[in-house]
Amino acid sequence: MATRKKSPPSSKKGAKKGQQKREKRRFGSGAVQFARDVRNELKKVTWPDREQLQQSTMVVLLIVIALGIYIAIWDYIFQNLARLIFL
């Protein structure tokens, strides 16, 4: 198991300065900075064109429908087996 090295205890004066800096931050400034960062990252994204988006959507819909049918078939089989066994 890894052990952590303990940092030397800070003086009360240094700790007080750190607390003062934290208190000076405006309420909500972290949320504003987060929103700016998100917007900057979204500008870097390569968005798909309309044709690629339609193709991807069709693939997803077909897979969802196919899996729904597959699960429905197995559900029907197990439902009938349960009726035969328990009723």
PDB file of N, CA and C in Angstrom:
ATOM      1  N   MET A   1       0.840  -1.174   0.000  1.00  0.00           N
ATOM      2  CA  MET A   1       0.000   0.000   0.000  1.00  0.00           C
ATOM      3  C   MET A   1       0.882   1.232   0.000  1.00  0.00           C
ATOM      4  N   ALA A   2       0.563   2.173  -0.828  1.00  0.00           N
ATOM      5  CA  ALA A   2       1.359   3.388  -0.945  1.00  0.00           C
ATOM      6  C   ALA A   2       1.112   4.293   0.248  1.00  0.00           C
ATOM      7  N   THR A   3       2.182   4.936   0.675  1.00  0.00           N
ATOM      8  CA  THR A   3       2.044   5.879   1.780  1.00  0.00           C
ATOM      9  C   THR A   3       2.217   7.284   1.241  1.00  0.00           C
ATOM     10  N   ARG A   4       1.522   8.177   1.833  1.00  0.00           N
ATOM     11  CA  ARG A   4       1.597   9.575   1.415  1.00  0.00           C
ATOM     12  C   ARG A   4       2.613  10.304   2.283  1.00  0.00           C
ATOM     13  N   LYS A   5       3.359  11.179   1.636  1.00  0.00           N
ATOM     14  CA  LYS A   5       4.270  12.011   2.392  1.00  0.00           C
ATOM     15  C   LYS A   5       3.486  13.190   2.939  1.00  0.00           C
ATOM     16  N   LYS A   6       3.713  13.461   4.193  1.00  0.00           N
ATOM     17  CA  LYS A   6       3.008  14.581   4.801  1.00  0.00           C
ATOM     18  C   LYS A   6       3.797  15.856   4.566  1.00  0.00           C
ATOM     19  N   SER A   7       3.087  16.882   4.201  1.00  0.00           N
ATOM     20  CA  SER A   7       3.744  18.169   4.009  1.00  0.00           C
ATOM     21  C   SER A   7       3.955  18.807   5.373  1.00  0.00           C
ATOM     22  N   PRO A   8       4.975  19.639   5.475  1.00  0.00           N
ATOM     23  CA  PRO A   8       5.217  20.281   6.769  1.00  0.00           C
ATOM     24  C   PRO A   8       4.046  21.187   7.123  1.00  0.00           C
ATOM     25  N   PRO A   9       3.750  21.269   8.402  1.00  0.00           N
ATOM     26  CA  PRO A   9       2.604  22.098   8.802  1.00  0.00           C
ATOM     27  C   PRO A   9       2.842  23.554   8.417  1.00  0.00           C
ATOM     28  N   SER A  10       1.809  24.174   7.901  1.00  0.00           N
ATOM     29  CA  SER A  10       1.929  25.570   7.492  1.00  0.00           C
ATOM     30  C   SER A  10       1.690  26.473   8.689  1.00  0.00           C
ATOM     31  N   SER A  11       2.287  27.634   8.615  1.00  0.00           N
ATOM     32  CA  SER A  11       2.089  28.581   9.702  1.00  0.00           C
ATOM     33  C   SER A  11       0.674  29.137   9.632  1.00  0.00           C
ATOM     34  N   LYS A  12       0.218  29.656  10.734  1.00  0.00           N
ATOM     35  CA  LYS A  12      -1.136  30.205  10.774  1.00  0.00           C
ATOM     36  C   LYS A  12      -1.266  31.396   9.834  1.00  0.00           C
ATOM     37  N   LYS A  13      -0.188  32.137   9.686  1.00  0.00           N
ATOM     38  CA  LYS A  13      -0.221  33.312   8.824  1.00  0.00           C
ATOM     39  C   LYS A  13      -0.432  32.903   7.365  1.00  0.00           C
ATOM     40  N   GLY A  14       0.271  31.864   6.909  1.00  0.00           N
ATOM     41  CA  GLY A  14       0.131  31.386   5.537  1.00  0.00           C
ATOM     42  C   GLY A  14      -1.242  30.794   5.299  1.00  0.00           C
ATOM     43  N   ALA A  15      -1.758  30.067   6.272  1.00  0.00           N
ATOM     44  CA  ALA A  15      -3.079  29.462   6.133  1.00  0.00           C
ATOM     45  C   ALA A  15      -4.148  30.544   6.054  1.00  0.00           C
ATOM     46  N   LYS A  16      -3.947  31.602   6.810  1.00  0.00           N
ATOM     47  CA  LYS A  16      -4.932  32.678   6.806  1.00  0.00           C
ATOM     48  C   LYS A  16      -4.973  33.377   5.446  1.00  0.00           C
ATOM     49  N   LYS A  17      -3.802  33.542   4.816  1.00  0.00           N
ATOM     50  CA  LYS A  17      -3.757  34.163   3.491  1.00  0.00           C
ATOM     51  C   LYS A  17      -4.528  33.334   2.476  1.00  0.00           C
ATOM     52  N   GLY A  18      -4.355  32.001   2.524  1.00  0.00           N
ATOM     53  CA  GLY A  18      -5.061  31.120   1.595  1.00  0.00           C
ATOM     54  C   GLY A  18      -6.565  31.236   1.762  1.00  0.00           C
ATOM     55  N   GLN A  19      -7.006  31.357   3.004  1.00  0.00           N
ATOM     56  CA  GLN A  19      -8.441  31.490   3.255  1.00  0.00           C
ATOM     57  C   GLN A  19      -8.958  32.822   2.729  1.00  0.00           C
ATOM     58  N   GLN A  20      -8.167  33.865   2.868  1.00  0.00           N
ATOM     59  CA  GLN A  20      -8.598  35.171   2.388  1.00  0.00           C
ATOM     60  C   GLN A  20      -8.722  35.176   0.874  1.00  0.00           C
ATOM     61  N   LYS A  21      -7.793  34.515   0.185  1.00  0.00           N
ATOM     62  CA  LYS A  21      -7.870  34.472  -1.271  1.00  0.00           C
ATOM     63  C   LYS A  21      -9.116  33.737  -1.715  1.00  0.00           C
ATOM     64  N   ARG A  22      -9.449  32.669  -1.037  1.00  0.00           N
ATOM     65  CA  ARG A  22     -10.652  31.919  -1.403  1.00  0.00           C
ATOM     66  C   ARG A  22     -11.907  32.753  -1.163  1.00  0.00           C
ATOM     67  N   GLU A  23     -11.914  33.521  -0.115  1.00  0.00           N
ATOM     68  CA  GLU A  23     -13.094  34.321   0.199  1.00  0.00           C
ATOM     69  C   GLU A  23     -13.283  35.474  -0.790  1.00  0.00           C
ATOM     70  N   LYS A  24     -12.207  35.948  -1.411  1.00  0.00           N
ATOM     71  CA  LYS A  24     -12.307  37.071  -2.331  1.00  0.00           C
ATOM     72  C   LYS A  24     -12.939  36.685  -3.662  1.00  0.00           C
ATOM     73  N   ARG A  25     -12.937  35.392  -3.991  1.00  0.00           N
ATOM     74  CA  ARG A  25     -13.556  34.975  -5.251  1.00  0.00           C
ATOM     75  C   ARG A  25     -15.040  35.269  -5.213  1.00  0.00           C
ATOM     76  N   ARG A  26     -15.545  35.725  -6.339  1.00  0.00           N
ATOM     77  CA  ARG A  26     -16.966  36.049  -6.423  1.00  0.00           C
ATOM     78  C   ARG A  26     -17.782  34.775  -6.493  1.00  0.00           C
ATOM     79  N   PHE A  27     -18.966  34.841  -5.937  1.00  0.00           N
ATOM     80  CA  PHE A  27     -19.868  33.698  -5.971  1.00  0.00           C
ATOM     81  C   PHE A  27     -20.272  33.422  -7.410  1.00  0.00           C
ATOM     82  N   GLY A  28     -20.141  32.180  -7.842  1.00  0.00           N
ATOM     83  CA  GLY A  28     -20.535  31.804  -9.191  1.00  0.00           C
ATOM     84  C   GLY A  28     -19.435  31.972 -10.225  1.00  0.00           C
ATOM     85  N   SER A  29     -18.267  32.486  -9.813  1.00  0.00           N
ATOM     86  CA  SER A  29     -17.201  32.685 -10.798  1.00  0.00           C
ATOM     87  C   SER A  29     -16.697  31.350 -11.324  1.00  0.00           C
ATOM     88  N   GLY A  30     -16.756  30.306 -10.520  1.00  0.00           N
ATOM     89  CA  GLY A  30     -16.354  28.976 -10.984  1.00  0.00           C
ATOM     90  C   GLY A  30     -17.291  28.467 -12.064  1.00  0.00           C
ATOM     91  N   ALA A  31     -18.571  28.724 -11.906  1.00  0.00           N
ATOM     92  CA  ALA A  31     -19.558  28.294 -12.901  1.00  0.00           C
ATOM     93  C   ALA A  31     -19.371  29.066 -14.203  1.00  0.00           C
ATOM     94  N   VAL A  32     -19.057  30.340 -14.097  1.00  0.00           N
ATOM     95  CA  VAL A  32     -18.840  31.154 -15.295  1.00  0.00           C
ATOM     96  C   VAL A  32     -17.607  30.657 -16.037  1.00  0.00           C
ATOM     97  N   GLN A  33     -16.543  30.363 -15.295  1.00  0.00           N
ATOM     98  CA  GLN A  33     -15.319  29.858 -15.926  1.00  0.00           C
ATOM     99  C   GLN A  33     -15.579  28.501 -16.577  1.00  0.00           C
ATOM    100  N   PHE A  34     -16.353  27.659 -15.911  1.00  0.00           N
ATOM    101  CA  PHE A  34     -16.701  26.350 -16.478  1.00  0.00           C
ATOM    102  C   PHE A  34     -17.456  26.522 -17.793  1.00  0.00           C
ATOM    103  N   ALA A  35     -18.421  27.440 -17.830  1.00  0.00           N
ATOM    104  CA  ALA A  35     -19.195  27.678 -19.052  1.00  0.00           C
ATOM    105  C   ALA A  35     -18.289  28.177 -20.177  1.00  0.00           C
ATOM    106  N   ARG A  36     -17.336  29.037 -19.860  1.00  0.00           N
ATOM    107  CA  ARG A  36     -16.388  29.516 -20.877  1.00  0.00           C
ATOM    108  C   ARG A  36     -15.548  28.362 -21.419  1.00  0.00           C
ATOM    109  N   ASP A  37     -15.074  27.511 -20.514  1.00  0.00           N
ATOM    110  CA  ASP A  37     -14.259  26.371 -20.936  1.00  0.00           C
ATOM    111  C   ASP A  37     -15.049  25.422 -21.822  1.00  0.00           C
ATOM    112  N   VAL A  38     -16.299  25.180 -21.461  1.00  0.00           N
ATOM    113  CA  VAL A  38     -17.143  24.294 -22.268  1.00  0.00           C
ATOM    114  C   VAL A  38     -17.335  24.882 -23.656  1.00  0.00           C
ATOM    115  N   ARG A  39     -17.620  26.166 -23.734  1.00  0.00           N
ATOM    116  CA  ARG A  39     -17.828  26.812 -25.027  1.00  0.00           C
ATOM    117  C   ARG A  39     -16.566  26.739 -25.885  1.00  0.00           C
ATOM    118  N   ASN A  40     -15.409  26.956 -25.266  1.00  0.00           N
ATOM    119  CA  ASN A  40     -14.153  26.880 -26.016  1.00  0.00           C
ATOM    120  C   ASN A  40     -13.889  25.466 -26.521  1.00  0.00           C
ATOM    121  N   GLU A  41     -14.193  24.462 -25.712  1.00  0.00           N
ATOM    122  CA  GLU A  41     -13.992  23.078 -26.146  1.00  0.00           C
ATOM    123  C   GLU A  41     -14.964  22.702 -27.261  1.00  0.00           C
ATOM    124  N   LEU A  42     -16.197  23.183 -27.186  1.00  0.00           N
ATOM    125  CA  LEU A  42     -17.176  22.868 -28.229  1.00  0.00           C
ATOM    126  C   LEU A  42     -16.813  23.512 -29.564  1.00  0.00           C
ATOM    127  N   LYS A  43     -16.072  24.604 -29.531  1.00  0.00           N
ATOM    128  CA  LYS A  43     -15.611  25.219 -30.777  1.00  0.00           C
ATOM    129  C   LYS A  43     -14.591  24.331 -31.480  1.00  0.00           C
ATOM    130  N   LYS A  44     -13.890  23.488 -30.717  1.00  0.00           N
ATOM    131  CA  LYS A  44     -12.861  22.614 -31.280  1.00  0.00           C
ATOM    132  C   LYS A  44     -13.440  21.336 -31.882  1.00  0.00           C
ATOM    133  N   VAL A  45     -14.691  21.038 -31.600  1.00  0.00           N
ATOM    134  CA  VAL A  45     -15.313  19.795 -32.051  1.00  0.00           C
ATOM    135  C   VAL A  45     -15.541  19.835 -33.555  1.00  0.00           C
ATOM    136  N   THR A  46     -15.280  18.701 -34.214  1.00  0.00           N
ATOM    137  CA  THR A  46     -15.602  18.563 -35.630  1.00  0.00           C
ATOM    138  C   THR A  46     -16.990  17.951 -35.708  1.00  0.00           C
ATOM    139  N   TRP A  47     -17.974  18.745 -36.048  1.00  0.00           N
ATOM    140  CA  TRP A  47     -19.348  18.286 -36.072  1.00  0.00           C
ATOM    141  C   TRP A  47     -19.628  17.542 -37.374  1.00  0.00           C
ATOM    142  N   PRO A  48     -20.473  16.489 -37.327  1.00  0.00           N
ATOM    143  CA  PRO A  48     -20.787  15.749 -38.558  1.00  0.00           C
ATOM    144  C   PRO A  48     -21.676  16.584 -39.478  1.00  0.00           C
ATOM    145  N   ASP A  49     -21.547  16.305 -40.784  1.00  0.00           N
ATOM    146  CA  ASP A  49     -22.430  16.994 -41.721  1.00  0.00           C
ATOM    147  C   ASP A  49     -23.808  16.325 -41.689  1.00  0.00           C
ATOM    148  N   ARG A  50     -24.754  16.897 -42.391  1.00  0.00           N
ATOM    149  CA  ARG A  50     -26.141  16.425 -42.335  1.00  0.00           C
ATOM    150  C   ARG A  50     -26.270  14.973 -42.792  1.00  0.00           C
ATOM    151  N   GLU A  51     -25.579  14.606 -43.865  1.00  0.00           N
ATOM    152  CA  GLU A  51     -25.670  13.242 -44.396  1.00  0.00           C
ATOM    153  C   GLU A  51     -25.118  12.223 -43.395  1.00  0.00           C
ATOM    154  N   GLN A  52     -23.990  12.542 -42.805  1.00  0.00           N
ATOM    155  CA  GLN A  52     -23.385  11.641 -41.824  1.00  0.00           C
ATOM    156  C   GLN A  52     -24.281  11.506 -40.586  1.00  0.00           C
ATOM    157  N   LEU A  53     -24.899  12.589 -40.193  1.00  0.00           N
ATOM    158  CA  LEU A  53     -25.803  12.571 -39.047  1.00  0.00           C
ATOM    159  C   LEU A  53     -27.021  11.696 -39.320  1.00  0.00           C
ATOM    160  N   GLN A  54     -27.584  11.799 -40.523  1.00  0.00           N
ATOM    161  CA  GLN A  54     -28.737  10.973 -40.887  1.00  0.00           C
ATOM    162  C   GLN A  54     -28.365   9.497 -40.930  1.00  0.00           C
ATOM    163  N   GLN A  55     -27.200   9.177 -41.471  1.00  0.00           N
ATOM    164  CA  GLN A  55     -26.763   7.783 -41.530  1.00  0.00           C
ATOM    165  C   GLN A  55     -26.574   7.212 -40.130  1.00  0.00           C
ATOM    166  N   SER A  56     -25.936   7.966 -39.262  1.00  0.00           N
ATOM    167  CA  SER A  56     -25.714   7.503 -37.890  1.00  0.00           C
ATOM    168  C   SER A  56     -27.038   7.311 -37.163  1.00  0.00           C
ATOM    169  N   THR A  57     -27.970   8.224 -37.379  1.00  0.00           N
ATOM    170  CA  THR A  57     -29.283   8.118 -36.748  1.00  0.00           C
ATOM    171  C   THR A  57     -30.013   6.870 -37.213  1.00  0.00           C
ATOM    172  N   MET A  58     -29.949   6.584 -38.505  1.00  0.00           N
ATOM    173  CA  MET A  58     -30.605   5.382 -39.040  1.00  0.00           C
ATOM    174  C   MET A  58     -29.989   4.112 -38.463  1.00  0.00           C
ATOM    175  N   VAL A  59     -28.677   4.076 -38.335  1.00  0.00           N
ATOM    176  CA  VAL A  59     -28.006   2.907 -37.759  1.00  0.00           C
ATOM    177  C   VAL A  59     -28.472   2.692 -36.324  1.00  0.00           C
ATOM    178  N   VAL A  60     -28.519   3.759 -35.554  1.00  0.00           N
ATOM    179  CA  VAL A  60     -28.951   3.649 -34.156  1.00  0.00           C
ATOM    180  C   VAL A  60     -30.397   3.170 -34.077  1.00  0.00           C
ATOM    181  N   LEU A  61     -31.279   3.750 -34.883  1.00  0.00           N
ATOM    182  CA  LEU A  61     -32.688   3.346 -34.861  1.00  0.00           C
ATOM    183  C   LEU A  61     -32.861   1.882 -35.255  1.00  0.00           C
ATOM    184  N   LEU A  62     -32.146   1.434 -36.288  1.00  0.00           N
ATOM    185  CA  LEU A  62     -32.253   0.035 -36.707  1.00  0.00           C
ATOM    186  C   LEU A  62     -31.760  -0.921 -35.623  1.00  0.00           C
ATOM    187  N   ILE A  63     -30.675  -0.568 -34.965  1.00  0.00           N
ATOM    188  CA  ILE A  63     -30.158  -1.424 -33.891  1.00  0.00           C
ATOM    189  C   ILE A  63     -31.142  -1.466 -32.728  1.00  0.00           C
ATOM    190  N   VAL A  64     -31.717  -0.333 -32.365  1.00  0.00           N
ATOM    191  CA  VAL A  64     -32.686  -0.295 -31.264  1.00  0.00           C
ATOM    192  C   VAL A  64     -33.911  -1.132 -31.602  1.00  0.00           C
ATOM    193  N   ILE A  65     -34.414  -1.020 -32.820  1.00  0.00           N
ATOM    194  CA  ILE A  65     -35.586  -1.803 -33.236  1.00  0.00           C
ATOM    195  C   ILE A  65     -35.256  -3.291 -33.241  1.00  0.00           C
ATOM    196  N   ALA A  66     -34.081  -3.651 -33.780  1.00  0.00           N
ATOM    197  CA  ALA A  66     -33.683  -5.057 -33.828  1.00  0.00           C
ATOM    198  C   ALA A  66     -33.542  -5.636 -32.424  1.00  0.00           C
ATOM    199  N   LEU A  67     -32.926  -4.905 -31.531  1.00  0.00           N
ATOM    200  CA  LEU A  67     -32.786  -5.390 -30.155  1.00  0.00           C
ATOM    201  C   LEU A  67     -34.140  -5.482 -29.459  1.00  0.00           C
ATOM    202  N   GLY A  68     -35.026  -4.545 -29.733  1.00  0.00           N
ATOM    203  CA  GLY A  68     -36.371  -4.605 -29.159  1.00  0.00           C
ATOM    204  C   GLY A  68     -37.108  -5.851 -29.605  1.00  0.00           C
ATOM    205  N   ILE A  69     -37.010  -6.182 -30.885  1.00  0.00           N
ATOM    206  CA  ILE A  69     -37.659  -7.394 -31.400  1.00  0.00           C
ATOM    207  C   ILE A  69     -37.033  -8.632 -30.781  1.00  0.00           C
ATOM    208  N   TYR A  70     -35.707  -8.666 -30.693  1.00  0.00           N
ATOM    209  CA  TYR A  70     -34.989  -9.797 -30.103  1.00  0.00           C
ATOM    210  C   TYR A  70     -35.431 -10.025 -28.651  1.00  0.00           C
ATOM    211  N   ILE A  71     -35.491  -8.959 -27.878  1.00  0.00           N
ATOM    212  CA  ILE A  71     -35.906  -9.076 -26.471  1.00  0.00           C
ATOM    213  C   ILE A  71     -37.370  -9.482 -26.378  1.00  0.00           C
ATOM    214  N   ALA A  72     -38.218  -8.960 -27.252  1.00  0.00           N
ATOM    215  CA  ALA A  72     -39.641  -9.317 -27.239  1.00  0.00           C
ATOM    216  C   ALA A  72     -39.834 -10.799 -27.531  1.00  0.00           C
ATOM    217  N   ILE A  73     -39.059 -11.346 -28.463  1.00  0.00           N
ATOM    218  CA  ILE A  73     -39.165 -12.777 -28.785  1.00  0.00           C
ATOM    219  C   ILE A  73     -38.785 -13.621 -27.579  1.00  0.00           C
ATOM    220  N   TRP A  74     -37.653 -13.302 -26.943  1.00  0.00           N
ATOM    221  CA  TRP A  74     -37.239 -14.072 -25.767  1.00  0.00           C
ATOM    222  C   TRP A  74     -38.236 -13.902 -24.615  1.00  0.00           C
ATOM    223  N   ASP A  75     -38.790 -12.719 -24.463  1.00  0.00           N
ATOM    224  CA  ASP A  75     -39.793 -12.491 -23.427  1.00  0.00           C
ATOM    225  C   ASP A  75     -41.020 -13.362 -23.668  1.00  0.00           C
ATOM    226  N   TYR A  76     -41.456 -13.437 -24.907  1.00  0.00           N
ATOM    227  CA  TYR A  76     -42.613 -14.263 -25.272  1.00  0.00           C
ATOM    228  C   TYR A  76     -42.330 -15.743 -24.983  1.00  0.00           C
ATOM    229  N   ILE A  77     -41.127 -16.198 -25.339  1.00  0.00           N
ATOM    230  CA  ILE A  77     -40.752 -17.600 -25.086  1.00  0.00           C
ATOM    231  C   ILE A  77     -40.765 -17.899 -23.594  1.00  0.00           C
ATOM    232  N   PHE A  78     -40.105 -17.068 -22.795  1.00  0.00           N
ATOM    233  CA  PHE A  78     -40.041 -17.320 -21.352  1.00  0.00           C
ATOM    234  C   PHE A  78     -41.399 -17.159 -20.683  1.00  0.00           C
ATOM    235  N   GLN A  79     -42.220 -16.269 -21.185  1.00  0.00           N
ATOM    236  CA  GLN A  79     -43.562 -16.090 -20.644  1.00  0.00           C
ATOM    237  C   GLN A  79     -44.382 -17.362 -20.841  1.00  0.00           C
ATOM    238  N   ASN A  80     -44.324 -17.935 -22.030  1.00  0.00           N
ATOM    239  CA  ASN A  80     -45.065 -19.169 -22.297  1.00  0.00           C
ATOM    240  C   ASN A  80     -44.502 -20.344 -21.510  1.00  0.00           C
ATOM    241  N   LEU A  81     -43.191 -20.412 -21.353  1.00  0.00           N
ATOM    242  CA  LEU A  81     -42.599 -21.471 -20.530  1.00  0.00           C
ATOM    243  C   LEU A  81     -43.058 -21.350 -19.078  1.00  0.00           C
ATOM    244  N   ALA A  82     -43.098 -20.141 -18.567  1.00  0.00           N
ATOM    245  CA  ALA A  82     -43.536 -19.934 -17.188  1.00  0.00           C
ATOM    246  C   ALA A  82     -44.999 -20.327 -17.024  1.00  0.00           C
ATOM    247  N   ARG A  83     -45.821 -20.045 -18.005  1.00  0.00           N
ATOM    248  CA  ARG A  83     -47.233 -20.440 -17.941  1.00  0.00           C
ATOM    249  C   ARG A  83     -47.367 -21.959 -17.923  1.00  0.00           C
ATOM    250  N   LEU A  84     -46.581 -22.635 -18.752  1.00  0.00           N
ATOM    251  CA  LEU A  84     -46.641 -24.098 -18.789  1.00  0.00           C
ATOM    252  C   LEU A  84     -46.191 -24.707 -17.465  1.00  0.00           C
ATOM    253  N   ILE A  85     -45.170 -24.140 -16.874  1.00  0.00           N
ATOM    254  CA  ILE A  85     -44.615 -24.710 -15.645  1.00  0.00           C
ATOM    255  C   ILE A  85     -45.480 -24.372 -14.437  1.00  0.00           C
ATOM    256  N   PHE A  86     -45.895 -23.138 -14.274  1.00  0.00           N
ATOM    257  CA  PHE A  86     -46.538 -22.692 -13.042  1.00  0.00           C
ATOM    258  C   PHE A  86     -48.060 -22.687 -13.085  1.00  0.00           C
ATOM    259  N   LEU A  87     -48.673 -22.819 -14.230  1.00  0.00           N
ATOM    260  CA  LEU A  87     -50.137 -22.803 -14.262  1.00  0.00           C
ATOM    261  C   LEU A  87     -50.708 -24.108 -14.666  1.00  0.00           C
TER     262      LEU A  87
END
